[in-house]
């Protein structure tokens, strides 16, 4: 599978308790202060069925975003995929990717 740039699940954090800053989903270069992590054996990517053909052909790629977003469990990936129609979940074998030089980051 082709993954370019990987990030695990996360949402947003409060800055100075008055501001909210997105820490994922950026489409422009920005320092999102990601923490490099040792991934579990598998992570999951949830998407809509309408994207299956493209992913099967091209692999998981960030497209206009900075990273491919992965979830630590199938349930979360299903929820994410449901936002795009009928959900499809891809299981990502992280050990193989890590051995091929990919880095994994966790939103802090």
N, C-alpha and C. Protein backbone atom coordinates (compact mmCIF):
# COMPACT_ATOMS: atom_id res chain seq x y z
N UNK A 1 0.84 -1.18 0.00
CA UNK A 1 0.00 0.00 0.00
C UNK A 1 0.89 1.24 0.00
N UNK A 2 0.47 2.25 -0.67
CA UNK A 2 1.24 3.48 -0.80
C UNK A 2 0.70 4.51 0.19
N UNK A 3 1.44 4.82 1.23
CA UNK A 3 1.07 5.88 2.16
C UNK A 3 2.17 6.91 2.15
N UNK A 4 1.80 8.15 2.03
CA UNK A 4 2.78 9.22 2.06
C UNK A 4 2.39 10.19 3.16
N UNK A 5 3.15 10.22 4.24
CA UNK A 5 2.83 11.06 5.37
C UNK A 5 1.72 10.42 6.18
N UNK A 6 1.95 10.10 7.42
CA UNK A 6 0.98 9.38 8.23
C UNK A 6 0.78 10.11 9.54
N UNK A 7 -0.46 10.17 9.97
CA UNK A 7 -0.79 10.76 11.26
C UNK A 7 -1.90 9.93 11.88
N UNK A 8 -1.84 9.73 13.17
CA UNK A 8 -2.91 8.99 13.83
C UNK A 8 -3.96 9.95 14.35
N UNK A 9 -5.02 9.39 14.91
CA UNK A 9 -6.19 10.19 15.26
C UNK A 9 -5.90 11.32 16.24
N UNK A 10 -6.67 12.38 16.16
CA UNK A 10 -6.56 13.51 17.06
C UNK A 10 -7.54 14.58 16.63
N UNK A 11 -7.79 15.53 17.46
CA UNK A 11 -8.80 16.53 17.12
C UNK A 11 -8.23 17.95 17.21
N UNK A 12 -8.44 18.63 18.29
CA UNK A 12 -7.93 19.99 18.42
C UNK A 12 -7.55 20.23 19.86
N UNK A 13 -6.74 21.22 20.09
CA UNK A 13 -6.36 21.51 21.47
C UNK A 13 -6.57 22.99 21.76
N UNK A 14 -6.77 23.30 23.00
CA UNK A 14 -6.96 24.69 23.39
C UNK A 14 -5.60 25.34 23.58
N UNK A 15 -5.45 26.53 23.07
CA UNK A 15 -4.23 27.31 23.28
C UNK A 15 -4.60 28.52 24.13
N UNK A 16 -3.90 28.69 25.19
CA UNK A 16 -4.15 29.78 26.13
C UNK A 16 -5.59 29.75 26.64
N UNK A 17 -6.23 28.59 26.57
CA UNK A 17 -7.59 28.35 27.07
C UNK A 17 -8.65 29.21 26.41
N UNK A 18 -8.29 29.95 25.37
CA UNK A 18 -9.28 30.79 24.69
C UNK A 18 -9.33 30.53 23.20
N UNK A 19 -8.30 29.90 22.66
CA UNK A 19 -8.23 29.67 21.22
C UNK A 19 -8.21 28.18 20.93
N UNK A 20 -8.77 27.82 19.81
CA UNK A 20 -8.71 26.43 19.37
C UNK A 20 -7.92 26.38 18.08
N UNK A 21 -7.02 25.44 18.02
CA UNK A 21 -6.18 25.29 16.84
C UNK A 21 -6.36 23.89 16.29
N UNK A 22 -6.65 23.79 15.01
CA UNK A 22 -6.74 22.46 14.39
C UNK A 22 -5.36 21.84 14.39
N UNK A 23 -5.30 20.56 14.74
CA UNK A 23 -4.00 19.90 14.70
C UNK A 23 -3.98 18.77 13.69
N UNK A 24 -4.95 18.73 12.81
CA UNK A 24 -4.93 17.80 11.68
C UNK A 24 -5.84 18.34 10.59
N UNK A 25 -5.68 17.80 9.40
CA UNK A 25 -6.54 18.21 8.29
C UNK A 25 -6.04 19.43 7.55
N UNK A 26 -4.86 19.91 7.89
CA UNK A 26 -4.33 21.09 7.19
C UNK A 26 -4.03 20.77 5.73
N UNK A 27 -4.26 21.75 4.89
CA UNK A 27 -3.93 21.59 3.48
C UNK A 27 -2.80 22.54 3.07
N UNK A 28 -2.30 23.31 4.02
CA UNK A 28 -1.16 24.19 3.77
C UNK A 28 -0.05 23.82 4.75
N UNK A 29 1.20 24.06 4.38
CA UNK A 29 2.29 23.72 5.31
C UNK A 29 2.14 24.51 6.61
N UNK A 30 2.13 23.80 7.72
CA UNK A 30 2.03 24.41 9.04
C UNK A 30 2.65 23.45 10.04
N UNK A 31 3.31 23.99 11.05
CA UNK A 31 3.89 23.14 12.09
C UNK A 31 2.77 22.73 13.03
N UNK A 32 2.36 21.47 12.92
CA UNK A 32 1.26 20.99 13.77
C UNK A 32 1.76 20.30 15.03
N UNK A 33 3.07 20.44 15.29
CA UNK A 33 3.68 19.95 16.53
C UNK A 33 3.32 18.49 16.79
N UNK A 34 3.63 17.64 15.83
CA UNK A 34 3.31 16.23 15.96
C UNK A 34 4.43 15.49 16.68
N UNK A 35 4.03 14.51 17.47
CA UNK A 35 4.97 13.70 18.22
C UNK A 35 5.18 12.38 17.48
N UNK A 36 6.44 12.08 17.13
CA UNK A 36 6.74 10.82 16.46
C UNK A 36 6.40 9.69 17.43
N UNK A 37 5.83 8.61 16.90
CA UNK A 37 5.39 7.52 17.77
C UNK A 37 5.76 6.17 17.20
N UNK A 38 5.79 5.20 18.07
CA UNK A 38 5.93 3.80 17.69
C UNK A 38 4.51 3.28 17.48
N UNK A 39 4.13 2.93 16.25
CA UNK A 39 2.75 2.55 16.00
C UNK A 39 2.43 1.13 16.48
N UNK A 40 1.14 0.86 16.73
CA UNK A 40 0.75 -0.52 17.00
C UNK A 40 0.91 -1.34 15.71
N UNK A 41 0.69 -2.64 15.78
CA UNK A 41 0.88 -3.50 14.61
C UNK A 41 0.00 -3.06 13.44
N UNK A 42 -1.23 -2.66 13.72
CA UNK A 42 -2.15 -2.21 12.68
C UNK A 42 -2.78 -0.88 13.07
N UNK A 43 -3.03 -0.04 12.07
CA UNK A 43 -3.86 1.15 12.21
C UNK A 43 -4.90 1.07 11.11
N UNK A 44 -5.91 1.93 11.15
CA UNK A 44 -7.05 1.83 10.24
C UNK A 44 -7.35 3.17 9.59
N UNK A 45 -7.73 3.10 8.33
CA UNK A 45 -8.12 4.31 7.59
C UNK A 45 -9.58 4.16 7.17
N UNK A 46 -10.42 5.06 7.66
CA UNK A 46 -11.83 5.05 7.29
C UNK A 46 -12.10 6.05 6.19
N UNK A 47 -12.87 5.63 5.20
CA UNK A 47 -13.21 6.49 4.07
C UNK A 47 -14.58 6.07 3.54
N UNK A 48 -15.05 6.75 2.52
CA UNK A 48 -16.32 6.39 1.90
C UNK A 48 -16.11 5.43 0.74
N UNK A 49 -17.13 4.62 0.48
CA UNK A 49 -17.06 3.64 -0.60
C UNK A 49 -16.74 4.28 -1.94
N UNK A 50 -17.18 5.53 -2.13
CA UNK A 50 -16.94 6.22 -3.40
C UNK A 50 -15.45 6.45 -3.68
N UNK A 51 -14.61 6.33 -2.64
CA UNK A 51 -13.16 6.53 -2.81
C UNK A 51 -12.39 5.21 -2.94
N UNK A 52 -13.06 4.10 -2.80
CA UNK A 52 -12.40 2.79 -2.80
C UNK A 52 -11.59 2.54 -4.08
N UNK A 53 -12.20 2.78 -5.23
CA UNK A 53 -11.51 2.51 -6.50
C UNK A 53 -10.21 3.32 -6.60
N UNK A 54 -10.28 4.59 -6.24
CA UNK A 54 -9.10 5.45 -6.30
C UNK A 54 -8.01 4.96 -5.34
N UNK A 55 -8.40 4.61 -4.12
CA UNK A 55 -7.42 4.14 -3.13
C UNK A 55 -6.82 2.81 -3.56
N UNK A 56 -7.66 1.91 -4.09
CA UNK A 56 -7.14 0.63 -4.54
C UNK A 56 -6.14 0.81 -5.68
N UNK A 57 -6.33 1.84 -6.48
CA UNK A 57 -5.44 2.10 -7.62
C UNK A 57 -4.18 2.87 -7.20
N UNK A 58 -4.35 3.94 -6.42
CA UNK A 58 -3.25 4.85 -6.08
C UNK A 58 -2.64 4.61 -4.70
N UNK A 59 -3.33 3.90 -3.85
CA UNK A 59 -2.91 3.76 -2.46
C UNK A 59 -3.47 4.89 -1.62
N UNK A 60 -3.18 4.87 -0.34
CA UNK A 60 -3.61 5.95 0.55
C UNK A 60 -2.62 7.10 0.41
N UNK A 61 -3.07 8.21 -0.10
CA UNK A 61 -2.21 9.39 -0.28
C UNK A 61 -2.90 10.58 0.35
N UNK A 62 -2.15 11.56 0.83
CA UNK A 62 -2.77 12.70 1.51
C UNK A 62 -3.54 13.65 0.59
N UNK A 63 -3.36 13.52 -0.72
CA UNK A 63 -3.99 14.44 -1.69
C UNK A 63 -3.66 15.87 -1.30
N UNK A 64 -4.67 16.71 -0.96
CA UNK A 64 -4.41 18.12 -0.67
C UNK A 64 -4.04 18.36 0.79
N UNK A 65 -4.02 17.31 1.60
CA UNK A 65 -3.66 17.47 3.01
C UNK A 65 -2.19 17.15 3.22
N UNK A 66 -1.71 17.36 4.43
CA UNK A 66 -0.30 17.11 4.73
C UNK A 66 -0.03 15.64 5.05
N UNK A 67 -1.00 14.95 5.59
CA UNK A 67 -0.80 13.57 6.04
C UNK A 67 -2.03 12.72 5.74
N UNK A 68 -1.82 11.40 5.76
CA UNK A 68 -2.93 10.45 5.73
C UNK A 68 -3.31 10.23 7.19
N UNK A 69 -4.58 10.32 7.49
CA UNK A 69 -5.05 10.17 8.86
C UNK A 69 -5.48 8.74 9.11
N UNK A 70 -4.97 8.17 10.20
CA UNK A 70 -5.27 6.80 10.57
C UNK A 70 -5.86 6.76 11.97
N UNK A 71 -6.65 5.74 12.24
CA UNK A 71 -7.27 5.56 13.55
C UNK A 71 -6.68 4.33 14.22
N UNK A 72 -6.73 4.32 15.53
CA UNK A 72 -6.16 3.19 16.26
C UNK A 72 -7.13 2.02 16.38
N UNK A 73 -8.41 2.24 16.03
CA UNK A 73 -9.37 1.15 16.12
C UNK A 73 -10.37 1.22 14.96
N UNK A 74 -10.95 0.07 14.67
CA UNK A 74 -11.89 -0.04 13.55
C UNK A 74 -13.13 0.81 13.77
N UNK A 75 -13.62 0.85 15.00
CA UNK A 75 -14.85 1.61 15.29
C UNK A 75 -14.70 3.08 14.91
N UNK A 76 -13.56 3.68 15.29
CA UNK A 76 -13.33 5.09 14.94
C UNK A 76 -13.22 5.26 13.44
N UNK A 77 -12.53 4.33 12.77
CA UNK A 77 -12.39 4.40 11.32
C UNK A 77 -13.75 4.31 10.63
N UNK A 78 -14.65 3.51 11.15
CA UNK A 78 -16.01 3.41 10.59
C UNK A 78 -16.74 4.74 10.74
N UNK A 79 -16.61 5.36 11.88
CA UNK A 79 -17.25 6.67 12.11
C UNK A 79 -16.71 7.69 11.12
N UNK A 80 -15.39 7.71 10.97
CA UNK A 80 -14.75 8.65 10.03
C UNK A 80 -15.25 8.36 8.61
N UNK A 81 -15.25 7.10 8.21
CA UNK A 81 -15.70 6.73 6.87
C UNK A 81 -17.15 7.06 6.62
N UNK A 82 -17.97 6.99 7.66
CA UNK A 82 -19.40 7.28 7.54
C UNK A 82 -19.68 8.73 7.16
N UNK A 83 -18.73 9.60 7.42
CA UNK A 83 -18.91 11.01 7.04
C UNK A 83 -18.85 11.18 5.53
N UNK A 84 -18.41 10.14 4.82
CA UNK A 84 -18.26 10.19 3.37
C UNK A 84 -19.20 9.22 2.66
N UNK A 85 -20.27 8.82 3.33
CA UNK A 85 -21.20 7.86 2.74
C UNK A 85 -21.04 6.50 3.39
N UNK A 86 -21.23 5.45 2.60
CA UNK A 86 -21.08 4.09 3.12
C UNK A 86 -19.60 3.88 3.47
N UNK A 87 -19.31 3.51 4.73
CA UNK A 87 -17.91 3.43 5.14
C UNK A 87 -17.16 2.22 4.60
N UNK A 88 -15.89 2.44 4.32
CA UNK A 88 -14.93 1.40 3.95
C UNK A 88 -13.73 1.62 4.86
N UNK A 89 -13.20 0.53 5.42
CA UNK A 89 -12.05 0.64 6.33
C UNK A 89 -10.88 -0.16 5.77
N UNK A 90 -9.73 0.47 5.68
CA UNK A 90 -8.49 -0.18 5.27
C UNK A 90 -7.66 -0.44 6.51
N UNK A 91 -7.11 -1.64 6.61
CA UNK A 91 -6.20 -1.98 7.71
C UNK A 91 -4.77 -1.77 7.20
N UNK A 92 -3.99 -1.01 7.94
CA UNK A 92 -2.63 -0.65 7.54
C UNK A 92 -1.65 -1.42 8.40
N UNK A 93 -0.78 -2.20 7.77
CA UNK A 93 0.24 -2.99 8.45
C UNK A 93 1.43 -2.07 8.70
N UNK A 94 1.50 -1.53 9.88
CA UNK A 94 2.47 -0.48 10.18
C UNK A 94 3.91 -0.98 10.25
N UNK A 95 4.12 -2.21 10.69
CA UNK A 95 5.48 -2.72 10.81
C UNK A 95 6.18 -2.75 9.44
N UNK A 96 5.46 -3.19 8.43
CA UNK A 96 6.02 -3.22 7.08
C UNK A 96 6.37 -1.80 6.61
N UNK A 97 5.47 -0.87 6.87
CA UNK A 97 5.72 0.52 6.47
C UNK A 97 6.91 1.11 7.21
N UNK A 98 6.96 0.84 8.51
CA UNK A 98 8.07 1.35 9.32
C UNK A 98 9.40 0.81 8.78
N UNK A 99 9.41 -0.46 8.44
CA UNK A 99 10.62 -1.08 7.88
C UNK A 99 11.00 -0.48 6.53
N UNK A 100 10.02 0.12 5.84
CA UNK A 100 10.26 0.76 4.55
C UNK A 100 10.59 2.24 4.70
N UNK A 101 10.72 2.72 5.95
CA UNK A 101 11.16 4.08 6.19
C UNK A 101 10.08 5.09 6.51
N UNK A 102 8.84 4.66 6.67
CA UNK A 102 7.77 5.59 6.99
C UNK A 102 7.82 5.96 8.48
N UNK A 103 7.48 7.19 8.77
CA UNK A 103 7.36 7.67 10.16
C UNK A 103 5.89 7.79 10.51
N UNK A 104 5.59 7.59 11.77
CA UNK A 104 4.23 7.73 12.28
C UNK A 104 4.23 8.81 13.35
N UNK A 105 3.17 9.60 13.36
CA UNK A 105 3.06 10.69 14.31
C UNK A 105 1.72 10.61 15.02
N UNK A 106 1.71 11.06 16.27
CA UNK A 106 0.48 11.11 17.05
C UNK A 106 0.19 12.55 17.37
N UNK A 107 -1.04 12.92 17.22
CA UNK A 107 -1.46 14.28 17.59
C UNK A 107 -1.40 14.39 19.09
N UNK A 108 -0.75 15.45 19.58
CA UNK A 108 -0.61 15.65 21.02
C UNK A 108 -1.59 16.67 21.51
